[in-house]
N, C-alpha and C. Protein backbone atom coordinates (compact mmCIF):
# COMPACT_ATOMS: atom_id res chain seq x y z
N MET A 1 52.42 -62.48 19.91
CA MET A 1 52.59 -62.58 21.34
C MET A 1 51.46 -61.83 22.03
N LYS A 2 50.89 -62.45 23.02
CA LYS A 2 49.79 -61.85 23.76
C LYS A 2 50.35 -60.99 24.89
N ALA A 3 49.64 -59.86 25.14
CA ALA A 3 50.02 -58.99 26.25
C ALA A 3 49.50 -59.59 27.55
N PRO A 4 50.21 -59.38 28.66
CA PRO A 4 49.71 -59.86 29.95
C PRO A 4 48.36 -59.20 30.27
N LEU A 5 47.58 -59.82 31.13
CA LEU A 5 46.24 -59.34 31.44
C LEU A 5 46.23 -57.96 32.11
N ASN A 6 47.29 -57.60 32.78
CA ASN A 6 47.30 -56.30 33.46
C ASN A 6 47.91 -55.19 32.60
N THR A 7 48.06 -55.40 31.31
CA THR A 7 48.64 -54.42 30.40
C THR A 7 47.55 -53.90 29.47
N LEU A 8 47.50 -52.59 29.33
CA LEU A 8 46.54 -51.97 28.44
C LEU A 8 47.19 -51.83 27.07
N VAL A 9 46.57 -52.37 26.08
CA VAL A 9 47.08 -52.28 24.71
C VAL A 9 46.07 -51.50 23.90
N ILE A 10 46.54 -50.43 23.26
CA ILE A 10 45.67 -49.59 22.45
C ILE A 10 46.15 -49.65 21.02
N HIS A 11 45.25 -50.03 20.14
CA HIS A 11 45.53 -50.04 18.71
C HIS A 11 44.63 -48.98 18.09
N SER A 12 45.25 -47.99 17.50
CA SER A 12 44.45 -46.90 16.94
C SER A 12 45.11 -46.37 15.68
N THR A 13 44.28 -45.93 14.78
CA THR A 13 44.79 -45.29 13.57
C THR A 13 44.78 -43.77 13.75
N HIS A 14 44.33 -43.30 14.91
CA HIS A 14 44.27 -41.87 15.19
C HIS A 14 45.62 -41.37 15.67
N ALA A 15 45.67 -40.08 15.93
CA ALA A 15 46.89 -39.45 16.42
C ALA A 15 47.31 -40.08 17.75
N PRO A 16 48.59 -39.99 18.07
CA PRO A 16 49.05 -40.55 19.35
C PRO A 16 48.34 -39.88 20.52
N LEU A 17 48.30 -40.59 21.63
CA LEU A 17 47.62 -40.10 22.82
C LEU A 17 48.18 -38.76 23.27
N SER A 18 49.48 -38.56 23.19
CA SER A 18 50.08 -37.30 23.63
C SER A 18 49.52 -36.13 22.82
N HIS A 19 49.30 -36.34 21.53
CA HIS A 19 48.71 -35.30 20.69
C HIS A 19 47.26 -35.06 21.10
N SER A 20 46.52 -36.13 21.35
CA SER A 20 45.12 -36.00 21.76
C SER A 20 45.01 -35.23 23.07
N LEU A 21 45.90 -35.52 24.01
CA LEU A 21 45.88 -34.81 25.28
C LEU A 21 46.25 -33.34 25.09
N ALA A 22 47.21 -33.06 24.23
CA ALA A 22 47.61 -31.68 23.97
C ALA A 22 46.45 -30.90 23.36
N VAL A 23 45.73 -31.53 22.46
CA VAL A 23 44.58 -30.88 21.83
C VAL A 23 43.52 -30.56 22.87
N PHE A 24 43.36 -31.44 23.85
CA PHE A 24 42.38 -31.23 24.90
C PHE A 24 42.87 -30.22 25.93
N PHE A 25 44.10 -30.37 26.41
CA PHE A 25 44.57 -29.56 27.53
C PHE A 25 45.07 -28.17 27.14
N THR A 26 45.49 -27.97 25.92
CA THR A 26 45.99 -26.65 25.53
C THR A 26 44.90 -25.58 25.66
N PRO A 27 43.70 -25.78 25.10
CA PRO A 27 42.65 -24.77 25.31
C PRO A 27 42.25 -24.65 26.78
N LEU A 28 42.26 -25.76 27.49
CA LEU A 28 41.92 -25.74 28.91
C LEU A 28 42.94 -24.91 29.69
N ALA A 29 44.21 -25.09 29.38
CA ALA A 29 45.27 -24.32 30.04
C ALA A 29 45.14 -22.84 29.71
N GLN A 30 44.82 -22.53 28.46
CA GLN A 30 44.64 -21.13 28.06
C GLN A 30 43.46 -20.52 28.82
N HIS A 31 42.39 -21.27 28.95
CA HIS A 31 41.23 -20.80 29.70
C HIS A 31 41.60 -20.55 31.16
N ALA A 32 42.37 -21.44 31.74
CA ALA A 32 42.79 -21.28 33.13
C ALA A 32 43.67 -20.04 33.29
N ARG A 33 44.60 -19.81 32.34
CA ARG A 33 45.45 -18.62 32.41
C ARG A 33 44.62 -17.35 32.31
N THR A 34 43.65 -17.35 31.41
CA THR A 34 42.77 -16.19 31.24
C THR A 34 41.96 -15.95 32.51
N PHE A 35 41.42 -17.02 33.07
CA PHE A 35 40.63 -16.91 34.29
C PHE A 35 41.47 -16.33 35.43
N ILE A 36 42.69 -16.82 35.58
CA ILE A 36 43.57 -16.34 36.65
C ILE A 36 43.94 -14.88 36.41
N ALA A 37 44.21 -14.51 35.18
CA ALA A 37 44.55 -13.12 34.87
C ALA A 37 43.37 -12.19 35.18
N GLN A 38 42.17 -12.64 34.87
CA GLN A 38 40.98 -11.83 35.17
C GLN A 38 40.78 -11.69 36.67
N ARG A 39 40.98 -12.75 37.42
CA ARG A 39 40.82 -12.67 38.88
C ARG A 39 41.90 -11.76 39.48
N ARG A 40 43.11 -11.82 38.95
CA ARG A 40 44.18 -10.95 39.42
C ARG A 40 43.81 -9.48 39.17
N GLN A 41 43.23 -9.20 38.00
CA GLN A 41 42.79 -7.85 37.68
C GLN A 41 41.66 -7.41 38.61
N ASP A 42 40.73 -8.33 38.90
CA ASP A 42 39.65 -8.02 39.84
C ASP A 42 40.21 -7.64 41.20
N LEU A 43 41.17 -8.41 41.70
CA LEU A 43 41.77 -8.12 43.00
C LEU A 43 42.46 -6.76 43.01
N THR A 44 43.14 -6.44 41.92
CA THR A 44 43.82 -5.15 41.82
C THR A 44 42.79 -4.02 41.83
N THR A 45 41.73 -4.18 41.05
CA THR A 45 40.68 -3.16 40.99
C THR A 45 40.01 -2.99 42.35
N TRP A 46 39.67 -4.10 43.00
CA TRP A 46 39.01 -4.04 44.30
C TRP A 46 39.89 -3.37 45.34
N ASN A 47 41.17 -3.68 45.32
CA ASN A 47 42.09 -3.07 46.29
C ASN A 47 42.20 -1.57 46.05
N GLN A 48 42.26 -1.17 44.79
CA GLN A 48 42.33 0.26 44.47
C GLN A 48 41.07 0.98 44.94
N ARG A 49 39.91 0.37 44.71
CA ARG A 49 38.65 0.97 45.18
C ARG A 49 38.65 1.10 46.69
N ARG A 50 39.08 0.06 47.36
CA ARG A 50 39.10 0.08 48.83
C ARG A 50 39.98 1.22 49.34
N ARG A 51 41.18 1.33 48.78
CA ARG A 51 42.11 2.36 49.22
C ARG A 51 41.59 3.76 48.91
N THR A 52 41.01 3.93 47.72
CA THR A 52 40.47 5.23 47.32
C THR A 52 39.31 5.63 48.22
N ARG A 53 38.44 4.69 48.52
CA ARG A 53 37.28 5.00 49.36
C ARG A 53 37.69 5.30 50.80
N LEU A 54 38.71 4.62 51.28
CA LEU A 54 39.22 4.96 52.61
C LEU A 54 39.81 6.37 52.63
N ALA A 55 40.54 6.72 51.59
CA ALA A 55 41.14 8.06 51.50
C ALA A 55 40.06 9.13 51.36
N LEU A 56 39.04 8.84 50.58
CA LEU A 56 37.95 9.78 50.38
C LEU A 56 37.25 10.10 51.70
N ARG A 57 37.10 9.10 52.52
CA ARG A 57 36.46 9.27 53.83
C ARG A 57 37.26 10.22 54.73
N GLU A 58 38.58 10.24 54.54
CA GLU A 58 39.47 11.03 55.40
C GLU A 58 39.61 12.49 54.94
N LEU A 59 39.15 12.82 53.74
CA LEU A 59 39.32 14.18 53.24
C LEU A 59 38.48 15.17 54.04
N ASP A 60 39.05 16.36 54.28
CA ASP A 60 38.27 17.39 54.97
C ASP A 60 37.41 18.13 53.94
N ASN A 61 36.54 19.03 54.44
CA ASN A 61 35.60 19.72 53.56
C ASN A 61 36.29 20.57 52.50
N ASP A 62 37.41 21.20 52.85
CA ASP A 62 38.14 22.02 51.86
C ASP A 62 38.69 21.16 50.73
N ALA A 63 39.23 19.99 51.07
CA ALA A 63 39.76 19.10 50.03
C ALA A 63 38.63 18.57 49.15
N LEU A 64 37.50 18.26 49.76
CA LEU A 64 36.35 17.80 48.98
C LEU A 64 35.86 18.90 48.04
N LYS A 65 35.83 20.13 48.53
CA LYS A 65 35.42 21.26 47.70
C LYS A 65 36.37 21.43 46.52
N ASP A 66 37.68 21.23 46.77
CA ASP A 66 38.68 21.35 45.71
C ASP A 66 38.44 20.36 44.58
N ILE A 67 37.96 19.17 44.92
CA ILE A 67 37.73 18.16 43.87
C ILE A 67 36.27 18.14 43.40
N GLY A 68 35.45 19.06 43.92
CA GLY A 68 34.08 19.20 43.46
C GLY A 68 33.14 18.11 43.95
N VAL A 69 33.37 17.64 45.17
CA VAL A 69 32.55 16.57 45.73
C VAL A 69 32.00 17.04 47.07
N SER A 70 30.70 16.85 47.28
CA SER A 70 30.10 17.22 48.57
C SER A 70 30.43 16.13 49.60
N ARG A 71 30.25 16.47 50.87
CA ARG A 71 30.49 15.50 51.94
C ARG A 71 29.54 14.31 51.78
N ALA A 72 28.27 14.58 51.42
CA ALA A 72 27.28 13.50 51.24
C ALA A 72 27.70 12.57 50.09
N GLU A 73 28.17 13.14 48.99
CA GLU A 73 28.63 12.32 47.86
C GLU A 73 29.85 11.49 48.26
N ALA A 74 30.76 12.11 48.99
CA ALA A 74 31.97 11.41 49.43
C ALA A 74 31.61 10.24 50.34
N LEU A 75 30.73 10.47 51.29
CA LEU A 75 30.33 9.39 52.20
C LEU A 75 29.55 8.31 51.47
N ASN A 76 28.72 8.73 50.52
CA ASN A 76 27.98 7.74 49.73
C ASN A 76 28.94 6.82 48.98
N GLU A 77 29.96 7.40 48.37
CA GLU A 77 30.96 6.60 47.65
C GLU A 77 31.80 5.77 48.61
N ALA A 78 32.20 6.37 49.72
CA ALA A 78 33.07 5.69 50.68
C ALA A 78 32.38 4.50 51.34
N ASN A 79 31.07 4.54 51.43
CA ASN A 79 30.32 3.46 52.09
C ASN A 79 29.98 2.30 51.15
N LYS A 80 30.32 2.42 49.89
CA LYS A 80 30.07 1.32 48.95
C LYS A 80 31.04 0.17 49.25
N PRO A 81 30.59 -1.06 49.06
CA PRO A 81 31.52 -2.19 49.20
C PRO A 81 32.56 -2.15 48.08
N PHE A 82 33.73 -2.67 48.34
CA PHE A 82 34.83 -2.61 47.37
C PHE A 82 34.51 -3.29 46.04
N TRP A 83 33.61 -4.24 46.03
CA TRP A 83 33.33 -4.97 44.79
C TRP A 83 32.33 -4.24 43.90
N LYS A 84 31.74 -3.15 44.38
CA LYS A 84 30.80 -2.40 43.56
C LYS A 84 31.51 -1.21 42.93
N GLY A 85 31.30 -1.08 41.63
CA GLY A 85 31.95 0.00 40.87
C GLY A 85 31.32 1.33 41.08
């Protein structure tokens, strides 16, 4: 019996299509999960830097002396963009 013209017929001796797709998409999905986890970690790190640098800017000279940081060092660190370590 012939298939209608609008029907796709695949004859293959290879693994079923679902297996082929799983082989392709499983590593892709793992890569996507890793990428998302890394970006989430970046956002967490950047937010922590931002908050720390804002707090550092607010410290008075006595508090800076207590932690062994000069005003110039504190301002230098506080003025860095959040994405720079």
